[in-house]
Amino acid sequence: MADFGGAVWRKGSRSGAEGNCVEVADNLPAVVGVRDSKDVAGPVLVFSPQAWRSFLATIDRHH
């Protein structure tokens, strides 16, 4: 399990005013975490930095 003790969480730039969004922690060297902003103590999806960059690139191509 990844340690997110030093994570800096930020909300997505396109988050709605209702607070229904995700938070991303991409400041750690080996992992990127994604969590529900309404459940900060809940589960965290864990990605490698390479997988996260690939995901973002795919979104950019389809948006």
PDB file of N, CA and C in Angstrom:
ATOM      1  N   MET A   1       0.838  -1.178   0.000  1.00  0.00           N
ATOM      2  CA  MET A   1       0.000   0.000   0.000  1.00  0.00           C
ATOM      3  C   MET A   1       0.885   1.244   0.000  1.00  0.00           C
ATOM      4  N   ALA A   2       0.523   2.219  -0.794  1.00  0.00           N
ATOM      5  CA  ALA A   2       1.285   3.459  -0.898  1.00  0.00           C
ATOM      6  C   ALA A   2       1.045   4.336   0.325  1.00  0.00           C
ATOM      7  N   ASP A   3       2.069   5.086   0.712  1.00  0.00           N
ATOM      8  CA  ASP A   3       1.979   6.019   1.826  1.00  0.00           C
ATOM      9  C   ASP A   3       1.679   7.409   1.274  1.00  0.00           C
ATOM     10  N   PHE A   4       0.534   7.959   1.614  1.00  0.00           N
ATOM     11  CA  PHE A   4       0.147   9.273   1.141  1.00  0.00           C
ATOM     12  C   PHE A   4       0.253  10.332   2.235  1.00  0.00           C
ATOM     13  N   GLY A   5       1.079  10.058   3.254  1.00  0.00           N
ATOM     14  CA  GLY A   5       1.256  11.003   4.356  1.00  0.00           C
ATOM     15  C   GLY A   5       1.796  12.351   3.915  1.00  0.00           C
ATOM     16  N   GLY A   6       2.647  12.380   2.899  1.00  0.00           N
ATOM     17  CA  GLY A   6       3.206  13.638   2.418  1.00  0.00           C
ATOM     18  C   GLY A   6       2.519  14.167   1.175  1.00  0.00           C
ATOM     19  N   ALA A   7       1.375  13.599   0.850  1.00  0.00           N
ATOM     20  CA  ALA A   7       0.675  13.989  -0.379  1.00  0.00           C
ATOM     21  C   ALA A   7       0.094  15.391  -0.266  1.00  0.00           C
ATOM     22  N   VAL A   8       0.168  16.096  -1.374  1.00  0.00           N
ATOM     23  CA  VAL A   8      -0.498  17.392  -1.517  1.00  0.00           C
ATOM     24  C   VAL A   8      -1.649  17.161  -2.482  1.00  0.00           C
ATOM     25  N   TRP A   9      -2.865  17.216  -1.950  1.00  0.00           N
ATOM     26  CA  TRP A   9      -4.059  16.923  -2.743  1.00  0.00           C
ATOM     27  C   TRP A   9      -4.586  18.205  -3.375  1.00  0.00           C
ATOM     28  N   ARG A  10      -4.994  18.098  -4.624  1.00  0.00           N
ATOM     29  CA  ARG A  10      -5.601  19.238  -5.312  1.00  0.00           C
ATOM     30  C   ARG A  10      -6.809  18.755  -6.103  1.00  0.00           C
ATOM     31  N   LYS A  11      -7.801  19.625  -6.195  1.00  0.00           N
ATOM     32  CA  LYS A  11      -9.009  19.284  -6.946  1.00  0.00           C
ATOM     33  C   LYS A  11      -8.783  19.531  -8.424  1.00  0.00           C
ATOM     34  N   GLY A  12      -9.545  18.811  -9.223  1.00  0.00           N
ATOM     35  CA  GLY A  12      -9.459  18.982 -10.659  1.00  0.00           C
ATOM     36  C   GLY A  12      -9.815  20.400 -11.073  1.00  0.00           C
ATOM     37  N   SER A  13      -9.176  20.883 -12.114  1.00  0.00           N
ATOM     38  CA  SER A  13      -9.398  22.261 -12.558  1.00  0.00           C
ATOM     39  C   SER A  13     -10.818  22.482 -13.082  1.00  0.00           C
ATOM     40  N   ARG A  14     -11.512  21.418 -13.412  1.00  0.00           N
ATOM     41  CA  ARG A  14     -12.877  21.551 -13.929  1.00  0.00           C
ATOM     42  C   ARG A  14     -13.925  21.086 -12.920  1.00  0.00           C
ATOM     43  N   SER A  15     -13.574  21.152 -11.656  1.00  0.00           N
ATOM     44  CA  SER A  15     -14.499  20.733 -10.601  1.00  0.00           C
ATOM     45  C   SER A  15     -15.703  21.657 -10.568  1.00  0.00           C
ATOM     46  N   GLY A  16     -16.840  21.073 -10.283  1.00  0.00           N
ATOM     47  CA  GLY A  16     -18.057  21.859 -10.179  1.00  0.00           C
ATOM     48  C   GLY A  16     -18.199  22.497  -8.808  1.00  0.00           C
ATOM     49  N   ALA A  17     -19.066  23.468  -8.706  1.00  0.00           N
ATOM     50  CA  ALA A  17     -19.303  24.174  -7.452  1.00  0.00           C
ATOM     51  C   ALA A  17     -19.977  23.284  -6.414  1.00  0.00           C
ATOM     52  N   GLU A  18     -20.585  22.177  -6.850  1.00  0.00           N
ATOM     53  CA  GLU A  18     -21.283  21.282  -5.937  1.00  0.00           C
ATOM     54  C   GLU A  18     -20.325  20.420  -5.124  1.00  0.00           C
ATOM     55  N   GLY A  19     -19.059  20.426  -5.451  1.00  0.00           N
ATOM     56  CA  GLY A  19     -18.077  19.630  -4.719  1.00  0.00           C
ATOM     57  C   GLY A  19     -17.984  18.189  -5.174  1.00  0.00           C
ATOM     58  N   ASN A  20     -18.634  17.845  -6.264  1.00  0.00           N
ATOM     59  CA  ASN A  20     -18.577  16.483  -6.797  1.00  0.00           C
ATOM     60  C   ASN A  20     -17.354  16.351  -7.690  1.00  0.00           C
ATOM     61  N   CYS A  21     -16.235  16.082  -7.072  1.00  0.00           N
ATOM     62  CA  CYS A  21     -15.018  16.027  -7.875  1.00  0.00           C
ATOM     63  C   CYS A  21     -14.007  15.070  -7.251  1.00  0.00           C
ATOM     64  N   VAL A  22     -12.931  14.900  -7.940  1.00  0.00           N
ATOM     65  CA  VAL A  22     -11.843  14.075  -7.439  1.00  0.00           C
ATOM     66  C   VAL A  22     -10.679  14.975  -7.050  1.00  0.00           C
ATOM     67  N   GLU A  23      -9.810  14.443  -6.220  1.00  0.00           N
ATOM     68  CA  GLU A  23      -8.576  15.120  -5.860  1.00  0.00           C
ATOM     69  C   GLU A  23      -7.417  14.242  -6.305  1.00  0.00           C
ATOM     70  N   VAL A  24      -6.351  14.878  -6.739  1.00  0.00           N
ATOM     71  CA  VAL A  24      -5.179  14.178  -7.237  1.00  0.00           C
ATOM     72  C   VAL A  24      -3.968  14.606  -6.419  1.00  0.00           C
ATOM     73  N   ALA A  25      -3.156  13.635  -6.052  1.00  0.00           N
ATOM     74  CA  ALA A  25      -1.865  13.904  -5.414  1.00  0.00           C
ATOM     75  C   ALA A  25      -0.791  13.388  -6.349  1.00  0.00           C
ATOM     76  N   ASP A  26      -0.114  14.319  -7.019  1.00  0.00           N
ATOM     77  CA  ASP A  26       0.921  13.920  -7.975  1.00  0.00           C
ATOM     78  C   ASP A  26       2.295  14.468  -7.601  1.00  0.00           C
ATOM     79  N   ASN A  27       2.460  14.799  -6.317  1.00  0.00           N
ATOM     80  CA  ASN A  27       3.736  15.335  -5.858  1.00  0.00           C
ATOM     81  C   ASN A  27       4.685  14.272  -5.303  1.00  0.00           C
ATOM     82  N   LEU A  28       4.261  13.038  -5.260  1.00  0.00           N
ATOM     83  CA  LEU A  28       5.104  11.974  -4.726  1.00  0.00           C
ATOM     84  C   LEU A  28       5.904  11.330  -5.862  1.00  0.00           C
ATOM     85  N   PRO A  29       7.122  10.884  -5.600  1.00  0.00           N
ATOM     86  CA  PRO A  29       7.976  10.414  -6.698  1.00  0.00           C
ATOM     87  C   PRO A  29       7.545   9.109  -7.360  1.00  0.00           C
ATOM     88  N   ALA A  30       6.917   8.195  -6.642  1.00  0.00           N
ATOM     89  CA  ALA A  30       6.670   6.862  -7.196  1.00  0.00           C
ATOM     90  C   ALA A  30       5.208   6.552  -7.481  1.00  0.00           C
ATOM     91  N   VAL A  31       4.284   7.377  -6.992  1.00  0.00           N
ATOM     92  CA  VAL A  31       2.858   7.084  -7.162  1.00  0.00           C
ATOM     93  C   VAL A  31       2.064   8.365  -7.375  1.00  0.00           C
ATOM     94  N   VAL A  32       0.896   8.200  -7.992  1.00  0.00           N
ATOM     95  CA  VAL A  32      -0.098   9.263  -8.105  1.00  0.00           C
ATOM     96  C   VAL A  32      -1.364   8.717  -7.473  1.00  0.00           C
ATOM     97  N   GLY A  33      -1.955   9.487  -6.581  1.00  0.00           N
ATOM     98  CA  GLY A  33      -3.183   9.069  -5.916  1.00  0.00           C
ATOM     99  C   GLY A  33      -4.372   9.865  -6.402  1.00  0.00           C
ATOM    100  N   VAL A  34      -5.526   9.210  -6.466  1.00  0.00           N
ATOM    101  CA  VAL A  34      -6.773   9.859  -6.850  1.00  0.00           C
ATOM    102  C   VAL A  34      -7.825   9.433  -5.843  1.00  0.00           C
ATOM    103  N   ARG A  35      -8.554  10.416  -5.302  1.00  0.00           N
ATOM    104  CA  ARG A  35      -9.581  10.105  -4.305  1.00  0.00           C
ATOM    105  C   ARG A  35     -10.806  10.981  -4.515  1.00  0.00           C
ATOM    106  N   ASP A  36     -11.889  10.583  -3.887  1.00  0.00           N
ATOM    107  CA  ASP A  36     -13.151  11.320  -3.907  1.00  0.00           C
ATOM    108  C   ASP A  36     -13.033  12.478  -2.925  1.00  0.00           C
ATOM    109  N   SER A  37     -13.278  13.685  -3.373  1.00  0.00           N
ATOM    110  CA  SER A  37     -13.139  14.853  -2.497  1.00  0.00           C
ATOM    111  C   SER A  37     -14.153  14.864  -1.358  1.00  0.00           C
ATOM    112  N   LYS A  38     -15.245  14.135  -1.500  1.00  0.00           N
ATOM    113  CA  LYS A  38     -16.251  14.069  -0.440  1.00  0.00           C
ATOM    114  C   LYS A  38     -15.935  13.007   0.600  1.00  0.00           C
ATOM    115  N   ASP A  39     -14.947  12.156   0.333  1.00  0.00           N
ATOM    116  CA  ASP A  39     -14.585  11.069   1.233  1.00  0.00           C
ATOM    117  C   ASP A  39     -13.062  10.986   1.341  1.00  0.00           C
ATOM    118  N   VAL A  40     -12.461  12.022   1.929  1.00  0.00           N
ATOM    119  CA  VAL A  40     -11.003  12.112   1.954  1.00  0.00           C
ATOM    120  C   VAL A  40     -10.354  11.013   2.785  1.00  0.00           C
ATOM    121  N   ALA A  41     -11.101  10.380   3.658  1.00  0.00           N
ATOM    122  CA  ALA A  41     -10.562   9.269   4.448  1.00  0.00           C
ATOM    123  C   ALA A  41     -10.813   7.925   3.770  1.00  0.00           C
ATOM    124  N   GLY A  42     -11.484   7.964   2.638  1.00  0.00           N
ATOM    125  CA  GLY A  42     -11.835   6.740   1.934  1.00  0.00           C
ATOM    126  C   GLY A  42     -10.695   6.205   1.091  1.00  0.00           C
ATOM    127  N   PRO A  43     -11.015   5.290   0.203  1.00  0.00           N
ATOM    128  CA  PRO A  43      -9.986   4.632  -0.611  1.00  0.00           C
ATOM    129  C   PRO A  43      -9.326   5.590  -1.594  1.00  0.00           C
ATOM    130  N   VAL A  44      -8.107   5.246  -1.956  1.00  0.00           N
ATOM    131  CA  VAL A  44      -7.327   6.016  -2.922  1.00  0.00           C
ATOM    132  C   VAL A  44      -6.966   5.090  -4.081  1.00  0.00           C
ATOM    133  N   LEU A  45      -7.255   5.529  -5.286  1.00  0.00           N
ATOM    134  CA  LEU A  45      -6.789   4.814  -6.469  1.00  0.00           C
ATOM    135  C   LEU A  45      -5.318   5.170  -6.658  1.00  0.00           C
ATOM    136  N   VAL A  46      -4.492   4.181  -6.932  1.00  0.00           N
ATOM    137  CA  VAL A  46      -3.052   4.390  -7.040  1.00  0.00           C
ATOM    138  C   VAL A  46      -2.591   4.073  -8.462  1.00  0.00           C
ATOM    139  N   PHE A  47      -1.856   5.003  -9.045  1.00  0.00           N
ATOM    140  CA  PHE A  47      -1.322   4.860 -10.394  1.00  0.00           C
ATOM    141  C   PHE A  47       0.180   5.103 -10.369  1.00  0.00           C
ATOM    142  N   SER A  48       0.886   4.495 -11.295  1.00  0.00           N
ATOM    143  CA  SER A  48       2.288   4.864 -11.488  1.00  0.00           C
ATOM    144  C   SER A  48       2.288   6.217 -12.204  1.00  0.00           C
ATOM    145  N   PRO A  49       3.332   7.007 -12.042  1.00  0.00           N
ATOM    146  CA  PRO A  49       3.384   8.283 -12.771  1.00  0.00           C
ATOM    147  C   PRO A  49       3.258   8.097 -14.287  1.00  0.00           C
ATOM    148  N   GLN A  50       3.849   7.041 -14.815  1.00  0.00           N
ATOM    149  CA  GLN A  50       3.757   6.777 -16.251  1.00  0.00           C
ATOM    150  C   GLN A  50       2.318   6.479 -16.667  1.00  0.00           C
ATOM    151  N   ALA A  51       1.605   5.671 -15.903  1.00  0.00           N
ATOM    152  CA  ALA A  51       0.208   5.353 -16.217  1.00  0.00           C
ATOM    153  C   ALA A  51      -0.651   6.612 -16.123  1.00  0.00           C
ATOM    154  N   TRP A  52      -0.377   7.469 -15.146  1.00  0.00           N
ATOM    155  CA  TRP A  52      -1.148   8.699 -14.980  1.00  0.00           C
ATOM    156  C   TRP A  52      -0.926   9.636 -16.180  1.00  0.00           C
ATOM    157  N   ARG A  53       0.323   9.779 -16.612  1.00  0.00           N
ATOM    158  CA  ARG A  53       0.615  10.624 -17.780  1.00  0.00           C
ATOM    159  C   ARG A  53      -0.083  10.076 -19.027  1.00  0.00           C
ATOM    160  N   SER A  54      -0.096   8.760 -19.177  1.00  0.00           N
ATOM    161  CA  SER A  54      -0.771   8.139 -20.307  1.00  0.00           C
ATOM    162  C   SER A  54      -2.269   8.413 -20.263  1.00  0.00           C
ATOM    163  N   PHE A  55      -2.860   8.305 -19.088  1.00  0.00           N
ATOM    164  CA  PHE A  55      -4.284   8.598 -18.903  1.00  0.00           C
ATOM    165  C   PHE A  55      -4.590  10.040 -19.300  1.00  0.00           C
ATOM    166  N   LEU A  56      -3.784  10.985 -18.818  1.00  0.00           N
ATOM    167  CA  LEU A  56      -4.009  12.398 -19.139  1.00  0.00           C
ATOM    168  C   LEU A  56      -3.841  12.662 -20.630  1.00  0.00           C
ATOM    169  N   ALA A  57      -2.862  12.033 -21.250  1.00  0.00           N
ATOM    170  CA  ALA A  57      -2.649  12.202 -22.688  1.00  0.00           C
ATOM    171  C   ALA A  57      -3.841  11.680 -23.476  1.00  0.00           C
ATOM    172  N   THR A  58      -4.400  10.568 -23.036  1.00  0.00           N
ATOM    173  CA  THR A  58      -5.576  10.004 -23.712  1.00  0.00           C
ATOM    174  C   THR A  58      -6.767  10.944 -23.593  1.00  0.00           C
ATOM    175  N   ILE A  59      -6.953  11.519 -22.427  1.00  0.00           N
ATOM    176  CA  ILE A  59      -8.060  12.479 -22.243  1.00  0.00           C
ATOM    177  C   ILE A  59      -7.866  13.679 -23.148  1.00  0.00           C
ATOM    178  N   ASP A  60      -6.654  14.198 -23.219  1.00  0.00           N
ATOM    179  CA  ASP A  60      -6.381  15.368 -24.074  1.00  0.00           C
ATOM    180  C   ASP A  60      -6.716  15.081 -25.532  1.00  0.00           C
ATOM    181  N   ARG A  61      -6.409  13.879 -25.981  1.00  0.00           N
ATOM    182  CA  ARG A  61      -6.682  13.531 -27.379  1.00  0.00           C
ATOM    183  C   ARG A  61      -8.168  13.429 -27.665  1.00  0.00           C
ATOM    184  N   HIS A  62      -8.976  13.110 -26.676  1.00  0.00           N
ATOM    185  CA  HIS A  62     -10.404  12.894 -26.884  1.00  0.00           C
ATOM    186  C   HIS A  62     -11.261  14.060 -26.399  1.00  0.00           C
ATOM    187  N   HIS A  63     -10.649  15.131 -26.046  1.00  0.00           N
ATOM    188  CA  HIS A  63     -11.423  16.270 -25.530  1.00  0.00           C
ATOM    189  C   HIS A  63     -11.380  17.422 -26.446  1.00  0.00           C
TER     190      HIS A  63
END
